[in-house]
Amino acid sequence: MGAIAGVVLAIALFAFIFWPERNPFFQADKTRVDYLRERKDVIYENLRDLNFEYLAGKYPEQDYEEQRSALEDEAAKVIAEMDLLEQKGMSARGSRA
């Protein structure tokens, strides 16, 4: 009886683990705004890391200022493009209504 229960449990676990719930080769389509949101998050994370490393004494002040300025400029461009795309999307939705 115990062997049968073990076999049934093993089959159930195997089916649970390997059952194809969804297609693993399917990727959700990302919009440009989705990509830009991810990029903005990465830039902000890089700014936090840069600030931490500067405060830890790993960067001289001039290098820190240059890196921070470059990352802030890139973040501003990304945010501006996101705003532009979102405004276009809102105006397109408004004209359809």
Protein backbone atom coordinates (compact mmCIF):
# COMPACT_ATOMS: atom_id res chain seq x y z
CA MET A 1 0.00 0.00 0.00
CA GLY A 2 2.84 2.38 0.87
CA ALA A 3 4.60 1.65 -2.43
CA ILE A 4 1.47 2.47 -4.41
CA ALA A 5 1.03 5.73 -2.52
CA GLY A 6 4.69 6.57 -3.20
CA VAL A 7 4.32 5.90 -6.93
CA VAL A 8 1.12 7.97 -7.12
CA LEU A 9 2.81 10.80 -5.21
CA ALA A 10 5.85 10.65 -7.52
CA ILE A 11 3.64 10.77 -10.62
CA ALA A 12 1.64 13.68 -9.18
CA LEU A 13 4.82 15.62 -8.36
CA PHE A 14 6.27 14.93 -11.80
CA ALA A 15 3.06 16.11 -13.47
CA PHE A 16 2.89 19.21 -11.26
CA ILE A 17 6.49 20.22 -11.97
CA PHE A 18 6.61 19.53 -15.69
CA TRP A 19 3.01 20.25 -16.75
CA PRO A 20 3.15 22.83 -19.57
CA GLU A 21 1.12 25.60 -18.02
CA ARG A 22 1.90 28.05 -20.79
CA ASN A 23 4.12 28.24 -23.80
CA PRO A 24 7.68 28.91 -22.57
CA PHE A 25 8.64 30.31 -25.98
CA PHE A 26 5.98 33.01 -25.92
CA GLN A 27 7.08 36.47 -24.88
CA ALA A 28 4.74 39.30 -24.20
CA ASP A 29 5.18 42.14 -26.64
CA LYS A 30 6.83 45.12 -24.99
CA THR A 31 5.98 48.61 -26.03
CA ARG A 32 8.55 51.35 -26.28
CA VAL A 33 7.20 52.86 -23.06
CA ASP A 34 7.69 49.53 -21.24
CA TYR A 35 11.28 49.41 -22.44
CA LEU A 36 11.83 53.02 -21.34
CA ARG A 37 10.39 52.32 -17.88
CA GLU A 38 12.82 49.45 -17.45
CA ARG A 39 15.68 51.61 -18.67
CA LYS A 40 14.71 54.39 -16.23
CA ASP A 41 14.72 51.91 -13.35
CA VAL A 42 18.19 50.71 -14.35
CA ILE A 43 19.50 54.27 -14.56
CA TYR A 44 18.11 55.10 -11.11
CA GLU A 45 19.69 51.97 -9.69
CA ASN A 46 23.01 52.95 -11.25
CA LEU A 47 22.71 56.41 -9.69
CA ARG A 48 22.10 54.86 -6.26
CA ASP A 49 25.10 52.55 -6.70
CA LEU A 50 27.28 55.43 -7.86
CA ASN A 51 26.29 57.54 -4.87
CA PHE A 52 26.98 54.65 -2.48
CA GLU A 53 30.40 53.98 -4.00
CA TYR A 54 31.27 57.69 -3.90
CA LEU A 55 30.33 57.89 -0.23
CA ALA A 56 32.40 54.77 0.39
CA GLY A 57 35.42 56.58 -1.09
CA LYS A 58 35.78 54.51 -4.25
CA TYR A 59 35.39 57.46 -6.66
CA PRO A 60 37.22 60.77 -6.77
CA GLU A 61 34.88 63.75 -6.80
CA GLN A 62 35.56 64.70 -10.44
CA ASP A 63 34.79 61.18 -11.73
CA TYR A 64 31.69 61.03 -9.54
CA GLU A 65 30.41 64.34 -10.91
CA GLU A 66 31.02 63.26 -14.52
CA GLN A 67 29.31 59.89 -14.05
CA ARG A 68 26.39 61.41 -12.16
CA SER A 69 25.93 64.09 -14.80
CA ALA A 70 25.95 61.52 -17.61
CA LEU A 71 23.43 59.30 -15.82
CA GLU A 72 21.16 62.25 -15.00
CA ASP A 73 21.25 63.41 -18.63
CA GLU A 74 20.36 59.93 -19.82
CA ALA A 75 17.51 59.72 -17.28
CA ALA A 76 16.17 63.09 -18.44
CA LYS A 77 16.16 61.92 -22.07
CA VAL A 78 14.38 58.69 -21.17
CA ILE A 79 11.75 60.49 -19.10
CA ALA A 80 11.20 63.08 -21.83
CA GLU A 81 10.68 60.34 -24.43
CA MET A 82 8.31 58.50 -22.08
CA ASP A 83 6.27 61.67 -21.57
CA LEU A 84 6.14 62.30 -25.31
CA LEU A 85 4.97 58.77 -26.07
CA GLU A 86 2.39 58.82 -23.29
CA GLN A 87 1.03 62.16 -24.52
CA LYS A 88 0.75 60.78 -28.05
CA GLY A 89 -1.05 57.74 -26.70
CA MET A 90 -3.47 59.89 -24.72
CA SER A 91 -4.19 62.18 -27.66
CA ALA A 92 -4.74 59.16 -29.93
CA ARG A 93 -7.19 57.69 -27.42
CA GLY A 94 -8.93 61.05 -27.06
CA SER A 95 -9.41 61.47 -30.81
CA ARG A 96 -11.01 58.00 -31.06
CA ALA A 97 -13.60 58.71 -28.39
